[in-house]
Amino acid sequence: LTISGIRAKGIKQHNNSCFNLQESAMDAEFEDERKKKRKEAADSEKKEEVDMAAHFLLQKERRTRLCS
């Protein structure tokens, strides 16, 4: 191997290493975003369930008052 070939090989290895680090960081960021979205969806679903329960309780209370 020539000096320029060794240098090119070193640069290629360095670039691959940097690319792998960037890819790992992007994967971690994507995973964090996915977890955040899942939590938001779960929180939204829980809020919707609470809203529905409150609605039905209010309806039941109104019917009870009307019948008394």
C-alpha atoms as a PDB file:
ATOM      1  CA  LEU A   1       0.000   0.000   0.000  1.00  0.00           C
ATOM      2  CA  THR A   2       1.160   3.495  -0.759  1.00  0.00           C
ATOM      3  CA  ILE A   3       1.079   6.384   1.676  1.00  0.00           C
ATOM      4  CA  SER A   4      -1.845   7.929  -0.190  1.00  0.00           C
ATOM      5  CA  GLY A   5      -3.625   4.549  -0.082  1.00  0.00           C
ATOM      6  CA  ILE A   6      -3.049   4.281   3.668  1.00  0.00           C
ATOM      7  CA  ARG A   7      -4.239   7.864   4.117  1.00  0.00           C
ATOM      8  CA  ALA A   8      -7.355   7.173   2.007  1.00  0.00           C
ATOM      9  CA  LYS A   9      -8.072   4.032   4.018  1.00  0.00           C
ATOM     10  CA  GLY A  10      -7.704   5.989   7.285  1.00  0.00           C
ATOM     11  CA  ILE A  11      -9.992   8.745   6.022  1.00  0.00           C
ATOM     12  CA  LYS A  12     -12.564   6.176   4.921  1.00  0.00           C
ATOM     13  CA  GLN A  13     -12.456   4.451   8.326  1.00  0.00           C
ATOM     14  CA  HIS A  14     -12.776   7.825  10.063  1.00  0.00           C
ATOM     15  CA  ASN A  15     -15.721   8.821   7.872  1.00  0.00           C
ATOM     16  CA  ASN A  16     -17.410   5.466   8.478  1.00  0.00           C
ATOM     17  CA  SER A  17     -16.894   5.892  12.216  1.00  0.00           C
ATOM     18  CA  CYS A  18     -18.394   9.402  12.127  1.00  0.00           C
ATOM     19  CA  PHE A  19     -21.301   8.169  10.031  1.00  0.00           C
ATOM     20  CA  ASN A  20     -21.983   5.341  12.487  1.00  0.00           C
ATOM     21  CA  LEU A  21     -21.939   7.786  15.409  1.00  0.00           C
ATOM     22  CA  GLN A  22     -24.345  10.107  13.596  1.00  0.00           C
ATOM     23  CA  GLU A  23     -26.585   7.187  12.702  1.00  0.00           C
ATOM     24  CA  SER A  24     -26.617   6.002  16.326  1.00  0.00           C
ATOM     25  CA  ALA A  25     -27.489   9.508  17.508  1.00  0.00           C
ATOM     26  CA  MET A  26     -30.303   9.724  14.957  1.00  0.00           C
ATOM     27  CA  ASP A  27     -31.603   6.312  16.021  1.00  0.00           C
ATOM     28  CA  ALA A  28     -31.607   7.411  19.668  1.00  0.00           C
ATOM     29  CA  GLU A  29     -33.367  10.663  18.762  1.00  0.00           C
ATOM     30  CA  PHE A  30     -35.956   8.766  16.716  1.00  0.00           C
ATOM     31  CA  GLU A  31     -36.530   6.334  19.596  1.00  0.00           C
ATOM     32  CA  ASP A  32     -36.971   9.228  22.055  1.00  0.00           C
ATOM     33  CA  GLU A  33     -39.468  10.882  19.700  1.00  0.00           C
ATOM     34  CA  ARG A  34     -41.351   7.591  19.266  1.00  0.00           C
ATOM     35  CA  LYS A  35     -41.593   7.135  23.045  1.00  0.00           C
ATOM     36  CA  LYS A  36     -42.786  10.739  23.432  1.00  0.00           C
ATOM     37  CA  LYS A  37     -45.500  10.248  20.786  1.00  0.00           C
ATOM     38  CA  ARG A  38     -46.648   6.985  22.400  1.00  0.00           C
ATOM     39  CA  LYS A  39     -46.850   8.702  25.808  1.00  0.00           C
ATOM     40  CA  GLU A  40     -48.804  11.616  24.317  1.00  0.00           C
ATOM     41  CA  ALA A  41     -51.208   9.167  22.675  1.00  0.00           C
ATOM     42  CA  ALA A  42     -51.646   7.233  25.927  1.00  0.00           C
ATOM     43  CA  ASP A  43     -52.197  10.471  27.881  1.00  0.00           C
ATOM     44  CA  SER A  44     -54.708  11.650  25.292  1.00  0.00           C
ATOM     45  CA  GLU A  45     -56.524   8.321  25.454  1.00  0.00           C
ATOM     46  CA  LYS A  46     -56.655   8.482  29.266  1.00  0.00           C
ATOM     47  CA  LYS A  47     -57.979  12.056  29.109  1.00  0.00           C
ATOM     48  CA  GLU A  48     -60.641  10.941  26.659  1.00  0.00           C
ATOM     49  CA  GLU A  49     -61.644   8.077  28.970  1.00  0.00           C
ATOM     50  CA  VAL A  50     -61.891  10.464  31.928  1.00  0.00           C
ATOM     51  CA  ASP A  51     -63.943  12.920  29.857  1.00  0.00           C
ATOM     52  CA  MET A  52     -66.318  10.133  28.799  1.00  0.00           C
ATOM     53  CA  ALA A  53     -66.687   8.892  32.381  1.00  0.00           C
ATOM     54  CA  ALA A  54     -67.387  12.429  33.600  1.00  0.00           C
ATOM     55  CA  HIS A  55     -69.951  12.911  30.833  1.00  0.00           C
ATOM     56  CA  PHE A  56     -71.803   9.715  31.759  1.00  0.00           C
ATOM     57  CA  LEU A  57     -71.711  10.563  35.461  1.00  0.00           C
ATOM     58  CA  LEU A  58     -73.188  13.994  34.737  1.00  0.00           C
ATOM     59  CA  GLN A  59     -75.899  12.423  32.579  1.00  0.00           C
ATOM     60  CA  LYS A  60     -76.707   9.951  35.348  1.00  0.00           C
ATOM     61  CA  GLU A  61     -76.822  12.750  37.935  1.00  0.00           C
ATOM     62  CA  ARG A  62     -79.154  14.830  35.732  1.00  0.00           C
ATOM     63  CA  ARG A  63     -81.492  11.862  35.239  1.00  0.00           C
ATOM     64  CA  THR A  64     -81.505  11.232  38.966  1.00  0.00           C
ATOM     65  CA  ARG A  65     -82.412  14.872  39.661  1.00  0.00           C
ATOM     66  CA  LEU A  66     -85.168  14.855  37.044  1.00  0.00           C
ATOM     67  CA  CYS A  67     -86.678  11.693  38.473  1.00  0.00           C
ATOM     68  CA  SER A  68     -86.603  12.912  42.089  1.00  0.00           C
END
